Amino acid sequence: MSTLLSVVTGPPTILLTTALVVLLCFWLLVAAGVTSVGSFDADANLRAWGMGGVPVAVAVSTLTAVAWFLSVGGVLLLVACAPPCAATGLLRMVLPVAALPVAWRLTCLFVRPLHRLFPDEPGPPARGRARDRADRAV
């Protein structure tokens, strides 16, 4: 348990842990009715990032949670399997940063089926000219 706490509160994973705590507070405010899920939608369009069709809060929450789990899991695996040395310490610092692009790709895959649950969000762009013509005809 002390290893988990040291990984969660150690550098640089503490940045992702802090973001996760902020997101937890945000979702508690949403559950209490103080704010709404779509309160950040006017500020950003995630279509270019491959996460269009869901509210920004859902996409960023998923990205942060996946990055945190990958980071903590990877560092715990590294602590358990690798001997303590300078290379292990360097990998321990690089692993949370390397978890971000992997988390981004996984988040894109996770939010793609969710866009049907949020009909008021702009969905992924239509592909093909025939589909564009059919959309304009309606």
N, C-alpha and C. Protein backbone atom coordinates (compact mmCIF):
# COMPACT_ATOMS: atom_id res chain seq x y z
N MET A 1 0.81 -1.18 0.00
CA MET A 1 0.00 0.00 0.00
C MET A 1 0.86 1.26 0.00
N SER A 2 1.99 1.19 0.71
CA SER A 2 2.87 2.36 0.74
C SER A 2 3.50 2.60 -0.63
N THR A 3 3.73 1.53 -1.39
CA THR A 3 4.26 1.69 -2.74
C THR A 3 3.25 2.39 -3.63
N LEU A 4 2.00 2.01 -3.53
CA LEU A 4 0.95 2.66 -4.31
C LEU A 4 0.85 4.15 -3.96
N LEU A 5 0.86 4.47 -2.67
CA LEU A 5 0.79 5.86 -2.26
C LEU A 5 2.00 6.66 -2.73
N SER A 6 3.18 6.05 -2.71
CA SER A 6 4.36 6.77 -3.17
C SER A 6 4.33 6.98 -4.68
N VAL A 7 3.75 6.04 -5.42
CA VAL A 7 3.64 6.19 -6.87
C VAL A 7 2.60 7.25 -7.21
N VAL A 8 1.46 7.22 -6.53
CA VAL A 8 0.38 8.16 -6.82
C VAL A 8 0.77 9.59 -6.45
N THR A 9 1.53 9.76 -5.38
CA THR A 9 1.89 11.10 -4.93
C THR A 9 3.30 11.50 -5.33
N GLY A 10 4.00 10.66 -6.08
CA GLY A 10 5.36 10.98 -6.50
C GLY A 10 5.39 11.69 -7.83
N PRO A 11 6.51 12.35 -8.11
CA PRO A 11 6.62 13.05 -9.39
C PRO A 11 6.80 12.07 -10.53
N PRO A 12 6.36 12.30 -11.71
CA PRO A 12 5.44 13.31 -12.21
C PRO A 12 3.98 12.85 -12.18
N THR A 13 3.71 11.68 -11.60
CA THR A 13 2.33 11.18 -11.54
C THR A 13 1.44 12.07 -10.68
N ILE A 14 2.02 12.83 -9.79
CA ILE A 14 1.23 13.73 -8.95
C ILE A 14 0.43 14.72 -9.80
N LEU A 15 0.94 15.08 -10.97
CA LEU A 15 0.21 15.99 -11.85
C LEU A 15 -1.09 15.35 -12.33
N LEU A 16 -1.02 14.09 -12.73
CA LEU A 16 -2.23 13.38 -13.16
C LEU A 16 -3.15 13.11 -11.97
N THR A 17 -2.59 12.86 -10.80
CA THR A 17 -3.41 12.65 -9.60
C THR A 17 -4.16 13.92 -9.24
N THR A 18 -3.50 15.05 -9.36
CA THR A 18 -4.15 16.33 -9.08
C THR A 18 -5.28 16.58 -10.08
N ALA A 19 -5.03 16.31 -11.35
CA ALA A 19 -6.07 16.49 -12.36
C ALA A 19 -7.25 15.55 -12.08
N LEU A 20 -6.97 14.34 -11.63
CA LEU A 20 -8.03 13.40 -11.31
C LEU A 20 -8.87 13.88 -10.13
N VAL A 21 -8.24 14.48 -9.13
CA VAL A 21 -8.96 15.01 -7.98
C VAL A 21 -9.84 16.19 -8.41
N VAL A 22 -9.32 17.06 -9.28
CA VAL A 22 -10.11 18.18 -9.79
C VAL A 22 -11.33 17.66 -10.55
N LEU A 23 -11.13 16.64 -11.38
CA LEU A 23 -12.25 16.05 -12.13
C LEU A 23 -13.26 15.41 -11.19
N LEU A 24 -12.80 14.77 -10.15
CA LEU A 24 -13.72 14.19 -9.17
C LEU A 24 -14.56 15.27 -8.52
N CYS A 25 -13.95 16.39 -8.18
CA CYS A 25 -14.71 17.52 -7.60
C CYS A 25 -15.72 18.06 -8.61
N PHE A 26 -15.31 18.16 -9.89
CA PHE A 26 -16.23 18.63 -10.92
C PHE A 26 -17.44 17.70 -11.03
N TRP A 27 -17.21 16.40 -11.06
CA TRP A 27 -18.33 15.46 -11.21
C TRP A 27 -19.21 15.44 -9.96
N LEU A 28 -18.63 15.71 -8.79
CA LEU A 28 -19.45 15.84 -7.58
C LEU A 28 -20.34 17.08 -7.69
N LEU A 29 -19.82 18.16 -8.25
CA LEU A 29 -20.64 19.36 -8.47
C LEU A 29 -21.75 19.10 -9.49
N VAL A 30 -21.44 18.30 -10.52
CA VAL A 30 -22.46 17.93 -11.50
C VAL A 30 -23.54 17.09 -10.83
N ALA A 31 -23.13 16.14 -10.00
CA ALA A 31 -24.10 15.29 -9.30
C ALA A 31 -24.96 16.10 -8.34
N ALA A 32 -24.40 17.14 -7.75
CA ALA A 32 -25.15 17.98 -6.82
C ALA A 32 -26.04 18.99 -7.55
N GLY A 33 -25.86 19.12 -8.85
CA GLY A 33 -26.69 20.03 -9.63
C GLY A 33 -26.18 21.46 -9.67
N VAL A 34 -24.98 21.69 -9.20
CA VAL A 34 -24.41 23.04 -9.19
C VAL A 34 -23.99 23.47 -10.59
N THR A 35 -23.51 22.54 -11.39
CA THR A 35 -23.08 22.82 -12.76
C THR A 35 -23.61 21.70 -13.66
N SER A 36 -23.35 21.84 -14.96
CA SER A 36 -23.82 20.80 -15.89
C SER A 36 -22.65 20.21 -16.65
N VAL A 37 -22.90 19.06 -17.25
CA VAL A 37 -21.86 18.37 -18.01
C VAL A 37 -21.40 19.22 -19.19
N GLY A 38 -22.28 19.97 -19.80
CA GLY A 38 -21.95 20.75 -20.97
C GLY A 38 -21.43 22.14 -20.68
N SER A 39 -20.99 22.41 -19.47
CA SER A 39 -20.58 23.77 -19.12
C SER A 39 -19.30 24.21 -19.82
N PHE A 40 -18.51 23.30 -20.34
CA PHE A 40 -17.26 23.67 -21.03
C PHE A 40 -17.37 23.53 -22.54
N ASP A 41 -18.52 23.19 -23.07
CA ASP A 41 -18.64 22.91 -24.49
C ASP A 41 -18.41 24.12 -25.38
N ALA A 42 -18.73 25.30 -24.93
CA ALA A 42 -18.54 26.49 -25.75
C ALA A 42 -17.06 26.86 -25.87
N ASP A 43 -16.23 26.33 -25.01
CA ASP A 43 -14.83 26.71 -24.98
C ASP A 43 -13.95 25.91 -25.92
N ALA A 44 -14.32 24.69 -26.26
CA ALA A 44 -13.42 23.84 -27.05
C ALA A 44 -14.21 22.92 -27.97
N ASN A 45 -13.63 22.66 -29.12
CA ASN A 45 -14.19 21.70 -30.06
C ASN A 45 -13.19 20.56 -30.19
N LEU A 46 -13.59 19.38 -29.78
CA LEU A 46 -12.67 18.25 -29.76
C LEU A 46 -12.70 17.41 -31.03
N ARG A 47 -13.42 17.87 -32.06
CA ARG A 47 -13.50 17.10 -33.30
C ARG A 47 -12.12 16.90 -33.90
N ALA A 48 -11.27 17.92 -33.87
CA ALA A 48 -9.93 17.81 -34.45
C ALA A 48 -9.05 16.82 -33.70
N TRP A 49 -9.37 16.58 -32.46
CA TRP A 49 -8.60 15.64 -31.64
C TRP A 49 -9.16 14.22 -31.70
N GLY A 50 -10.22 14.02 -32.48
CA GLY A 50 -10.81 12.69 -32.62
C GLY A 50 -11.78 12.33 -31.52
N MET A 51 -12.20 13.32 -30.72
CA MET A 51 -13.08 13.04 -29.60
C MET A 51 -14.39 13.81 -29.73
N GLY A 52 -14.78 14.16 -30.95
CA GLY A 52 -16.01 14.91 -31.16
C GLY A 52 -17.24 14.06 -30.89
N GLY A 53 -18.33 14.73 -30.60
CA GLY A 53 -19.59 14.04 -30.38
C GLY A 53 -19.95 13.81 -28.93
N VAL A 54 -19.04 14.14 -28.03
CA VAL A 54 -19.33 14.03 -26.60
C VAL A 54 -18.97 15.36 -25.94
N PRO A 55 -19.55 15.67 -24.79
CA PRO A 55 -19.16 16.90 -24.10
C PRO A 55 -17.67 16.90 -23.75
N VAL A 56 -17.10 18.08 -23.70
CA VAL A 56 -15.68 18.22 -23.40
C VAL A 56 -15.36 17.60 -22.03
N ALA A 57 -16.24 17.77 -21.08
CA ALA A 57 -16.00 17.23 -19.73
C ALA A 57 -15.88 15.71 -19.76
N VAL A 58 -16.69 15.05 -20.58
CA VAL A 58 -16.63 13.58 -20.67
C VAL A 58 -15.32 13.15 -21.32
N ALA A 59 -14.94 13.81 -22.40
CA ALA A 59 -13.71 13.44 -23.11
C ALA A 59 -12.47 13.68 -22.25
N VAL A 60 -12.41 14.84 -21.61
CA VAL A 60 -11.24 15.16 -20.78
C VAL A 60 -11.20 14.27 -19.54
N SER A 61 -12.34 13.96 -18.98
CA SER A 61 -12.37 13.06 -17.82
C SER A 61 -11.88 11.67 -18.20
N THR A 62 -12.33 11.18 -19.34
CA THR A 62 -11.89 9.87 -19.80
C THR A 62 -10.39 9.87 -20.07
N LEU A 63 -9.91 10.90 -20.74
CA LEU A 63 -8.48 11.01 -21.04
C LEU A 63 -7.65 11.04 -19.76
N THR A 64 -8.07 11.82 -18.79
CA THR A 64 -7.32 11.93 -17.54
C THR A 64 -7.33 10.62 -16.77
N ALA A 65 -8.48 9.98 -16.69
CA ALA A 65 -8.56 8.71 -15.94
C ALA A 65 -7.73 7.62 -16.61
N VAL A 66 -7.80 7.52 -17.92
CA VAL A 66 -7.02 6.49 -18.63
C VAL A 66 -5.53 6.77 -18.48
N ALA A 67 -5.12 8.04 -18.62
CA ALA A 67 -3.70 8.38 -18.46
C ALA A 67 -3.22 8.08 -17.04
N TRP A 68 -4.06 8.38 -16.05
CA TRP A 68 -3.68 8.11 -14.66
C TRP A 68 -3.52 6.61 -14.42
N PHE A 69 -4.48 5.82 -14.90
CA PHE A 69 -4.38 4.36 -14.70
C PHE A 69 -3.17 3.78 -15.43
N LEU A 70 -2.91 4.23 -16.65
CA LEU A 70 -1.73 3.74 -17.37
C LEU A 70 -0.45 4.14 -16.65
N SER A 71 -0.39 5.37 -16.18
CA SER A 71 0.80 5.86 -15.50
C SER A 71 1.05 5.11 -14.20
N VAL A 72 0.04 5.03 -13.37
CA VAL A 72 0.21 4.35 -12.08
C VAL A 72 0.48 2.86 -12.28
N GLY A 73 -0.26 2.24 -13.18
CA GLY A 73 -0.02 0.82 -13.45
C GLY A 73 1.36 0.55 -14.00
N GLY A 74 1.81 1.38 -14.92
CA GLY A 74 3.14 1.20 -15.50
C GLY A 74 4.25 1.40 -14.48
N VAL A 75 4.11 2.43 -13.66
CA VAL A 75 5.14 2.68 -12.65
C VAL A 75 5.13 1.58 -11.59
N LEU A 76 3.96 1.10 -11.20
CA LEU A 76 3.90 -0.02 -10.23
C LEU A 76 4.54 -1.28 -10.81
N LEU A 77 4.28 -1.53 -12.08
CA LEU A 77 4.91 -2.68 -12.74
C LEU A 77 6.42 -2.51 -12.80
N LEU A 78 6.86 -1.31 -13.08
CA LEU A 78 8.29 -1.03 -13.14
C LEU A 78 8.94 -1.20 -11.77
N VAL A 79 8.28 -0.72 -10.72
CA VAL A 79 8.81 -0.86 -9.36
C VAL A 79 8.88 -2.33 -8.96
N ALA A 80 7.88 -3.11 -9.36
CA ALA A 80 7.85 -4.52 -8.95
C ALA A 80 8.83 -5.38 -9.74
N CYS A 81 9.08 -5.04 -11.00
CA CYS A 81 9.87 -5.93 -11.85
C CYS A 81 11.31 -5.49 -12.08
N ALA A 82 11.58 -4.22 -12.01
CA ALA A 82 12.93 -3.73 -12.33
C ALA A 82 13.71 -3.45 -11.05
N PRO A 83 15.01 -3.71 -11.08
CA PRO A 83 15.82 -3.39 -9.90
C PRO A 83 16.01 -1.87 -9.79
N PRO A 84 16.12 -1.36 -8.57
CA PRO A 84 16.32 0.08 -8.42
C PRO A 84 17.69 0.50 -8.94
N CYS A 85 17.70 1.34 -9.95
CA CYS A 85 18.93 1.88 -10.52
C CYS A 85 18.60 3.21 -11.21
N ALA A 86 19.58 3.83 -11.80
CA ALA A 86 19.38 5.13 -12.45
C ALA A 86 18.44 5.01 -13.65
N ALA A 87 18.57 3.92 -14.41
CA ALA A 87 17.70 3.73 -15.58
C ALA A 87 16.24 3.54 -15.15
N THR A 88 16.03 2.85 -14.07
CA THR A 88 14.67 2.67 -13.56
C THR A 88 14.09 4.00 -13.10
N GLY A 89 14.90 4.81 -12.46
CA GLY A 89 14.45 6.13 -12.03
C GLY A 89 14.09 7.01 -13.22
N LEU A 90 14.88 6.94 -14.29
CA LEU A 90 14.58 7.71 -15.49
C LEU A 90 13.30 7.21 -16.16
N LEU A 91 13.13 5.90 -16.24
CA LEU A 91 11.90 5.33 -16.81
C LEU A 91 10.68 5.69 -15.96
N ARG A 92 10.88 5.76 -14.67
CA ARG A 92 9.78 6.13 -13.77
C ARG A 92 9.31 7.56 -14.04
N MET A 93 10.24 8.44 -14.45
CA MET A 93 9.88 9.81 -14.78
C MET A 93 9.28 9.94 -16.18
N VAL A 94 9.71 9.09 -17.10
CA VAL A 94 9.26 9.18 -18.50
C VAL A 94 7.93 8.47 -18.70
N LEU A 95 7.66 7.45 -17.94
CA LEU A 95 6.45 6.63 -18.15
C LEU A 95 5.15 7.42 -18.07
N PRO A 96 4.93 8.29 -17.10
CA PRO A 96 3.68 9.06 -17.08
C PRO A 96 3.53 9.98 -18.30
N VAL A 97 4.62 10.52 -18.78
CA VAL A 97 4.57 11.37 -19.97
C VAL A 97 4.25 10.53 -21.20
N ALA A 98 4.82 9.33 -21.27
CA ALA A 98 4.56 8.44 -22.39
C ALA A 98 3.15 7.87 -22.34
N ALA A 99 2.53 7.87 -21.17
CA ALA A 99 1.16 7.36 -21.04
C ALA A 99 0.14 8.28 -21.70
N LEU A 100 0.46 9.56 -21.86
CA LEU A 100 -0.50 10.51 -22.41
C LEU A 100 -0.89 10.22 -23.86
N PRO A 101 0.05 9.98 -24.80
CA PRO A 101 -0.39 9.67 -26.17
C PRO A 101 -1.17 8.34 -26.26
N VAL A 102 -0.78 7.38 -25.45
CA VAL A 102 -1.51 6.10 -25.43
C VAL A 102 -2.92 6.32 -24.89
N ALA A 103 -3.03 7.13 -23.85
CA ALA A 103 -4.34 7.44 -23.27
C ALA A 103 -5.19 8.21 -24.28
N TRP A 104 -4.59 9.09 -25.05
CA TRP A 104 -5.34 9.84 -26.06
C TRP A 104 -5.94 8.89 -27.10
N ARG A 105 -5.16 7.94 -27.60
CA ARG A 105 -5.68 6.98 -28.59
C ARG A 105 -6.79 6.12 -27.98
N LEU A 106 -6.59 5.67 -26.76
CA LEU A 106 -7.62 4.85 -26.10
C LEU A 106 -8.88 5.66 -25.84
N THR A 107 -8.73 6.93 -25.48
CA THR A 107 -9.89 7.79 -25.25
C THR A 107 -10.67 7.99 -26.55
N CYS A 108 -9.96 8.17 -27.64
CA CYS A 108 -10.65 8.29 -28.94
C CYS A 108 -11.49 7.06 -29.23
N LEU A 109 -10.96 5.88 -28.88
CA LEU A 109 -11.71 4.65 -29.09
C LEU A 109 -12.89 4.53 -28.12
N PHE A 110 -12.71 4.98 -26.89
CA PHE A 110 -13.76 4.87 -25.88
C PHE A 110 -14.92 5.82 -26.13
N VAL A 111 -14.64 7.05 -26.59
CA VAL A 111 -15.72 8.03 -26.74
C VAL A 111 -16.45 7.90 -28.07
N ARG A 112 -15.87 7.20 -29.02
CA ARG A 112 -16.53 7.05 -30.33
C ARG A 112 -17.94 6.46 -30.21
N PRO A 113 -18.16 5.38 -29.47
CA PRO A 113 -19.53 4.86 -29.36
C PRO A 113 -20.45 5.73 -28.49
N LEU A 114 -19.89 6.63 -27.70
CA LEU A 114 -20.71 7.45 -26.81
C LEU A 114 -21.40 8.61 -27.51
N HIS A 115 -20.98 8.94 -28.75
CA HIS A 115 -21.57 10.13 -29.38
C HIS A 115 -23.06 9.95 -29.66
N ARG A 116 -23.55 8.72 -29.69
CA ARG A 116 -24.99 8.50 -29.87
C ARG A 116 -25.79 8.88 -28.62
N LEU A 117 -25.14 8.90 -27.48
CA LEU A 117 -25.82 9.27 -26.23
C LEU A 117 -25.97 10.78 -26.08
N PHE A 118 -25.23 11.55 -26.89
CA PHE A 118 -25.26 13.00 -26.80
C PHE A 118 -25.65 13.58 -28.16
N PRO A 119 -26.95 13.58 -28.48
CA PRO A 119 -27.37 14.02 -29.81
C PRO A 119 -27.17 15.51 -30.07
N ASP A 120 -27.06 16.33 -29.05
CA ASP A 120 -26.89 17.77 -29.27
C ASP A 120 -25.44 18.17 -29.53
N GLU A 121 -24.51 17.24 -29.40
CA GLU A 121 -23.10 17.51 -29.67
C GLU A 121 -22.81 17.29 -31.16
N PRO A 122 -21.92 18.10 -31.74
CA PRO A 122 -21.54 17.85 -33.13
C PRO A 122 -20.78 16.54 -33.22
N GLY A 123 -21.22 15.68 -34.10
CA GLY A 123 -20.60 14.37 -34.24
C GLY A 123 -19.37 14.40 -35.11
N PRO A 124 -18.81 13.22 -35.37
CA PRO A 124 -17.66 13.14 -36.24
C PRO A 124 -18.04 13.60 -37.65
N PRO A 125 -17.10 14.16 -38.42
CA PRO A 125 -17.45 14.65 -39.74
C PRO A 125 -17.89 13.53 -40.66
N ALA A 126 -18.86 13.85 -41.54
CA ALA A 126 -19.35 12.86 -42.50
C ALA A 126 -18.26 12.56 -43.51
N ARG A 127 -18.17 11.34 -43.94
CA ARG A 127 -17.13 10.94 -44.89
C ARG A 127 -17.74 10.70 -46.26
N GLY A 128 -17.08 11.21 -47.23
CA GLY A 128 -17.52 10.96 -48.61
C GLY A 128 -18.43 12.03 -49.14
N ARG A 129 -18.34 12.28 -50.44
CA ARG A 129 -19.16 13.32 -51.07
C ARG A 129 -20.62 12.93 -51.17
N ALA A 130 -20.91 11.64 -51.36
CA ALA A 130 -22.31 11.22 -51.47
C ALA A 130 -23.05 11.49 -50.17
N ARG A 131 -22.40 11.26 -49.05
CA ARG A 131 -23.02 11.51 -47.76
C ARG A 131 -23.24 13.01 -47.55
N ASP A 132 -22.26 13.83 -47.98
CA ASP A 132 -22.41 15.29 -47.85
C ASP A 132 -23.59 15.78 -48.68
N ARG A 133 -23.74 15.25 -49.91
CA ARG A 133 -24.86 15.66 -50.77
C ARG A 133 -26.19 15.23 -50.15
N ALA A 134 -26.22 14.05 -49.56
CA ALA A 134 -27.45 13.57 -48.94
C ALA A 134 -27.81 14.42 -47.73
N ASP A 135 -26.80 14.88 -46.97
CA ASP A 135 -27.07 15.74 -45.83
C ASP A 135 -27.61 17.09 -46.27
N ARG A 136 -27.06 17.65 -47.37
CA ARG A 136 -27.53 18.95 -47.85
C ARG A 136 -28.94 18.87 -48.42
N ALA A 137 -29.32 17.73 -48.97
CA ALA A 137 -30.64 17.58 -49.59
C ALA A 137 -31.75 17.57 -48.53
N VAL A 138 -31.42 17.16 -47.32
CA VAL A 138 -32.42 17.06 -46.26
C VAL A 138 -32.71 18.36 -45.68
